[in-house]
Amino acid sequence: MNEQEIYLKEKQTQLHKYELKLLELKNLTSEFDADANRKLYKQIDSLELKLKEAKTKLESFAKARKEEIEAYKKAIDETFIAINI
C-alpha cells in the first residue's frame, strides 16, 4: 500500500466515525423540546454538508496524480478540521 492509499484509508475511517457520531446526534432529537430540536437540526444539516464535501474531496484524492496529492491533502485536512465533531 502506498502513502496515498494509506492516507485515503485513514481519512475514510475517520469520516465513518464522524458519520456514526452524526447518527448519534440525530437520535438525540426526540429527547429535546421543539426549540432545541430546531437548533440541533440546523447543526445536523451543517455537518451533513461538511461530510458530503469531505467524501467528494476523498473521491478526488483517490484519483489524484502524484503532483496533486499534497494540495488535496491540505484541502481534505481543512475540511476535517471544519467538521470537528
N, C-alpha and C. Protein backbone atom coordinates (compact mmCIF):
# COMPACT_ATOMS: atom_id res chain seq x y z
N MET A 1 0.85 -1.18 0.00
CA MET A 1 0.00 0.00 0.00
C MET A 1 0.90 1.23 0.00
N ASN A 2 0.63 2.17 -0.91
CA ASN A 2 1.46 3.37 -0.96
C ASN A 2 0.91 4.46 -0.02
N GLU A 3 1.65 5.54 0.08
CA GLU A 3 1.30 6.62 1.00
C GLU A 3 -0.09 7.20 0.72
N GLN A 4 -0.42 7.35 -0.54
CA GLN A 4 -1.73 7.89 -0.91
C GLN A 4 -2.85 6.96 -0.44
N GLU A 5 -2.69 5.67 -0.62
CA GLU A 5 -3.70 4.71 -0.22
C GLU A 5 -3.85 4.66 1.31
N ILE A 6 -2.75 4.76 2.01
CA ILE A 6 -2.78 4.76 3.47
C ILE A 6 -3.53 5.99 3.99
N TYR A 7 -3.19 7.16 3.44
CA TYR A 7 -3.85 8.40 3.84
C TYR A 7 -5.35 8.31 3.56
N LEU A 8 -5.70 7.83 2.37
CA LEU A 8 -7.10 7.71 1.99
C LEU A 8 -7.85 6.78 2.95
N LYS A 9 -7.27 5.67 3.28
CA LYS A 9 -7.88 4.71 4.19
C LYS A 9 -8.09 5.33 5.57
N GLU A 10 -7.08 6.05 6.06
CA GLU A 10 -7.19 6.70 7.38
C GLU A 10 -8.32 7.72 7.39
N LYS A 11 -8.40 8.52 6.35
CA LYS A 11 -9.44 9.56 6.30
C LYS A 11 -10.83 8.94 6.10
N GLN A 12 -10.93 7.87 5.35
CA GLN A 12 -12.21 7.20 5.19
C GLN A 12 -12.69 6.63 6.53
N THR A 13 -11.76 6.10 7.30
CA THR A 13 -12.10 5.57 8.62
C THR A 13 -12.56 6.70 9.54
N GLN A 14 -11.86 7.82 9.50
CA GLN A 14 -12.24 8.97 10.31
C GLN A 14 -13.61 9.50 9.88
N LEU A 15 -13.85 9.55 8.59
CA LEU A 15 -15.14 10.01 8.08
C LEU A 15 -16.26 9.09 8.54
N HIS A 16 -16.02 7.82 8.54
CA HIS A 16 -17.01 6.85 9.01
C HIS A 16 -17.34 7.09 10.49
N LYS A 17 -16.34 7.38 11.29
CA LYS A 17 -16.57 7.68 12.70
C LYS A 17 -17.42 8.94 12.86
N TYR A 18 -17.15 9.95 12.02
CA TYR A 18 -17.95 11.17 12.04
C TYR A 18 -19.41 10.86 11.69
N GLU A 19 -19.60 10.00 10.71
CA GLU A 19 -20.96 9.63 10.31
C GLU A 19 -21.70 8.92 11.44
N LEU A 20 -21.00 8.09 12.17
CA LEU A 20 -21.62 7.42 13.32
C LEU A 20 -22.00 8.42 14.40
N LYS A 21 -21.14 9.39 14.65
CA LYS A 21 -21.46 10.43 15.64
C LYS A 21 -22.66 11.26 15.19
N LEU A 22 -22.75 11.50 13.89
CA LEU A 22 -23.89 12.24 13.36
C LEU A 22 -25.18 11.46 13.60
N LEU A 23 -25.15 10.17 13.42
CA LEU A 23 -26.32 9.33 13.71
C LEU A 23 -26.71 9.44 15.18
N GLU A 24 -25.72 9.47 16.04
CA GLU A 24 -26.00 9.65 17.47
C GLU A 24 -26.72 10.97 17.72
N LEU A 25 -26.25 12.03 17.06
CA LEU A 25 -26.91 13.33 17.20
C LEU A 25 -28.35 13.27 16.73
N LYS A 26 -28.56 12.62 15.61
CA LYS A 26 -29.93 12.51 15.09
C LYS A 26 -30.84 11.77 16.07
N ASN A 27 -30.30 10.79 16.74
CA ASN A 27 -31.09 10.03 17.70
C ASN A 27 -31.43 10.84 18.95
N LEU A 28 -30.68 11.87 19.22
CA LEU A 28 -30.95 12.72 20.39
C LEU A 28 -32.14 13.64 20.18
N THR A 29 -32.50 13.92 18.96
CA THR A 29 -33.52 14.92 18.69
C THR A 29 -34.84 14.65 19.38
N SER A 30 -35.23 13.42 19.48
CA SER A 30 -36.53 13.13 20.09
C SER A 30 -36.56 13.41 21.59
N GLU A 31 -35.41 13.55 22.20
CA GLU A 31 -35.34 13.76 23.64
C GLU A 31 -35.47 15.24 24.04
N PHE A 32 -35.46 16.15 23.07
CA PHE A 32 -35.47 17.57 23.39
C PHE A 32 -36.78 18.22 22.96
N ASP A 33 -36.96 19.43 23.44
CA ASP A 33 -38.15 20.17 23.03
C ASP A 33 -37.99 20.70 21.61
N ALA A 34 -39.04 21.28 21.06
CA ALA A 34 -39.06 21.71 19.67
C ALA A 34 -37.96 22.74 19.36
N ASP A 35 -37.75 23.68 20.25
CA ASP A 35 -36.73 24.70 20.02
C ASP A 35 -35.33 24.08 19.98
N ALA A 36 -35.08 23.20 20.91
CA ALA A 36 -33.78 22.53 20.93
C ALA A 36 -33.62 21.66 19.68
N ASN A 37 -34.69 21.01 19.25
CA ASN A 37 -34.63 20.19 18.04
C ASN A 37 -34.29 21.03 16.82
N ARG A 38 -34.90 22.22 16.70
CA ARG A 38 -34.60 23.11 15.56
C ARG A 38 -33.12 23.45 15.52
N LYS A 39 -32.56 23.77 16.67
CA LYS A 39 -31.13 24.11 16.74
C LYS A 39 -30.27 22.90 16.38
N LEU A 40 -30.66 21.75 16.89
CA LEU A 40 -29.92 20.53 16.61
C LEU A 40 -30.00 20.17 15.12
N TYR A 41 -31.19 20.31 14.52
CA TYR A 41 -31.33 20.02 13.09
C TYR A 41 -30.47 20.95 12.25
N LYS A 42 -30.35 22.19 12.67
CA LYS A 42 -29.50 23.13 11.94
C LYS A 42 -28.04 22.66 11.98
N GLN A 43 -27.59 22.21 13.14
CA GLN A 43 -26.22 21.68 13.26
C GLN A 43 -26.06 20.41 12.45
N ILE A 44 -27.06 19.56 12.48
CA ILE A 44 -27.02 18.31 11.72
C ILE A 44 -26.92 18.60 10.23
N ASP A 45 -27.72 19.52 9.74
CA ASP A 45 -27.67 19.89 8.32
C ASP A 45 -26.29 20.40 7.93
N SER A 46 -25.72 21.22 8.77
CA SER A 46 -24.39 21.76 8.51
C SER A 46 -23.35 20.63 8.47
N LEU A 47 -23.43 19.72 9.42
CA LEU A 47 -22.50 18.59 9.45
C LEU A 47 -22.66 17.68 8.24
N GLU A 48 -23.89 17.47 7.83
CA GLU A 48 -24.13 16.62 6.66
C GLU A 48 -23.49 17.22 5.42
N LEU A 49 -23.58 18.53 5.27
CA LEU A 49 -22.95 19.19 4.12
C LEU A 49 -21.43 19.05 4.17
N LYS A 50 -20.86 19.21 5.35
CA LYS A 50 -19.41 19.09 5.50
C LYS A 50 -18.95 17.66 5.24
N LEU A 51 -19.72 16.69 5.69
CA LEU A 51 -19.38 15.29 5.45
C LEU A 51 -19.46 14.96 3.96
N LYS A 52 -20.45 15.50 3.31
CA LYS A 52 -20.58 15.29 1.86
C LYS A 52 -19.39 15.91 1.13
N GLU A 53 -18.99 17.09 1.56
CA GLU A 53 -17.83 17.76 0.98
C GLU A 53 -16.56 16.92 1.19
N ALA A 54 -16.42 16.37 2.38
CA ALA A 54 -15.26 15.53 2.68
C ALA A 54 -15.24 14.29 1.79
N LYS A 55 -16.39 13.67 1.60
CA LYS A 55 -16.46 12.48 0.73
C LYS A 55 -16.05 12.83 -0.69
N THR A 56 -16.53 13.95 -1.19
CA THR A 56 -16.20 14.38 -2.54
C THR A 56 -14.70 14.61 -2.68
N LYS A 57 -14.11 15.26 -1.69
CA LYS A 57 -12.67 15.52 -1.73
C LYS A 57 -11.87 14.23 -1.65
N LEU A 58 -12.34 13.27 -0.87
CA LEU A 58 -11.64 11.99 -0.78
C LEU A 58 -11.73 11.23 -2.10
N GLU A 59 -12.87 11.31 -2.76
CA GLU A 59 -13.01 10.66 -4.07
C GLU A 59 -12.05 11.28 -5.08
N SER A 60 -11.92 12.60 -5.06
CA SER A 60 -10.99 13.27 -5.96
C SER A 60 -9.55 12.92 -5.62
N PHE A 61 -9.26 12.85 -4.32
CA PHE A 61 -7.92 12.50 -3.88
C PHE A 61 -7.52 11.11 -4.37
N ALA A 62 -8.47 10.19 -4.35
CA ALA A 62 -8.18 8.81 -4.78
C ALA A 62 -7.74 8.76 -6.23
N LYS A 63 -8.17 9.75 -7.03
CA LYS A 63 -7.84 9.79 -8.45
C LYS A 63 -6.70 10.76 -8.77
N ALA A 64 -6.18 11.41 -7.74
CA ALA A 64 -5.18 12.46 -7.93
C ALA A 64 -3.85 11.91 -8.45
N ARG A 65 -3.21 12.75 -9.23
CA ARG A 65 -1.85 12.42 -9.69
C ARG A 65 -0.87 12.77 -8.59
N LYS A 66 0.34 12.22 -8.68
CA LYS A 66 1.35 12.42 -7.64
C LYS A 66 1.57 13.89 -7.32
N GLU A 67 1.64 14.73 -8.34
CA GLU A 67 1.93 16.15 -8.10
C GLU A 67 0.76 16.90 -7.48
N GLU A 68 -0.41 16.28 -7.43
CA GLU A 68 -1.60 16.93 -6.84
C GLU A 68 -1.86 16.50 -5.40
N ILE A 69 -1.20 15.45 -4.97
CA ILE A 69 -1.51 14.83 -3.68
C ILE A 69 -1.42 15.80 -2.50
N GLU A 70 -0.37 16.56 -2.41
CA GLU A 70 -0.20 17.47 -1.26
C GLU A 70 -1.29 18.53 -1.20
N ALA A 71 -1.67 19.07 -2.36
CA ALA A 71 -2.73 20.07 -2.40
C ALA A 71 -4.06 19.46 -1.94
N TYR A 72 -4.32 18.25 -2.38
CA TYR A 72 -5.54 17.56 -1.95
C TYR A 72 -5.52 17.28 -0.46
N LYS A 73 -4.38 16.84 0.04
CA LYS A 73 -4.26 16.56 1.48
C LYS A 73 -4.60 17.80 2.30
N LYS A 74 -4.06 18.93 1.88
CA LYS A 74 -4.31 20.18 2.61
C LYS A 74 -5.80 20.50 2.63
N ALA A 75 -6.44 20.39 1.48
CA ALA A 75 -7.87 20.68 1.38
C ALA A 75 -8.69 19.70 2.23
N ILE A 76 -8.32 18.45 2.20
CA ILE A 76 -9.03 17.43 2.99
C ILE A 76 -8.85 17.69 4.47
N ASP A 77 -7.62 17.97 4.88
CA ASP A 77 -7.36 18.24 6.31
C ASP A 77 -8.16 19.45 6.79
N GLU A 78 -8.26 20.48 5.96
CA GLU A 78 -9.04 21.66 6.34
C GLU A 78 -10.52 21.32 6.49
N THR A 79 -11.01 20.48 5.62
CA THR A 79 -12.41 20.07 5.70
C THR A 79 -12.67 19.26 6.97
N PHE A 80 -11.75 18.38 7.30
CA PHE A 80 -11.92 17.56 8.51
C PHE A 80 -11.81 18.43 9.77
N ILE A 81 -11.00 19.43 9.74
CA ILE A 81 -10.93 20.36 10.87
C ILE A 81 -12.26 21.10 11.01
N ALA A 82 -12.85 21.47 9.89
CA ALA A 82 -14.14 22.18 9.92
C ALA A 82 -15.26 21.29 10.45
N ILE A 83 -15.16 20.00 10.21
CA ILE A 83 -16.20 19.08 10.70
C ILE A 83 -16.14 19.04 12.23
N ASN A 84 -14.97 18.74 12.76
CA ASN A 84 -14.68 18.78 14.19
C ASN A 84 -15.85 18.39 15.09
N ILE A 85 -16.30 17.17 14.92
CA ILE A 85 -17.42 16.67 15.74
C ILE A 85 -16.90 16.29 17.10
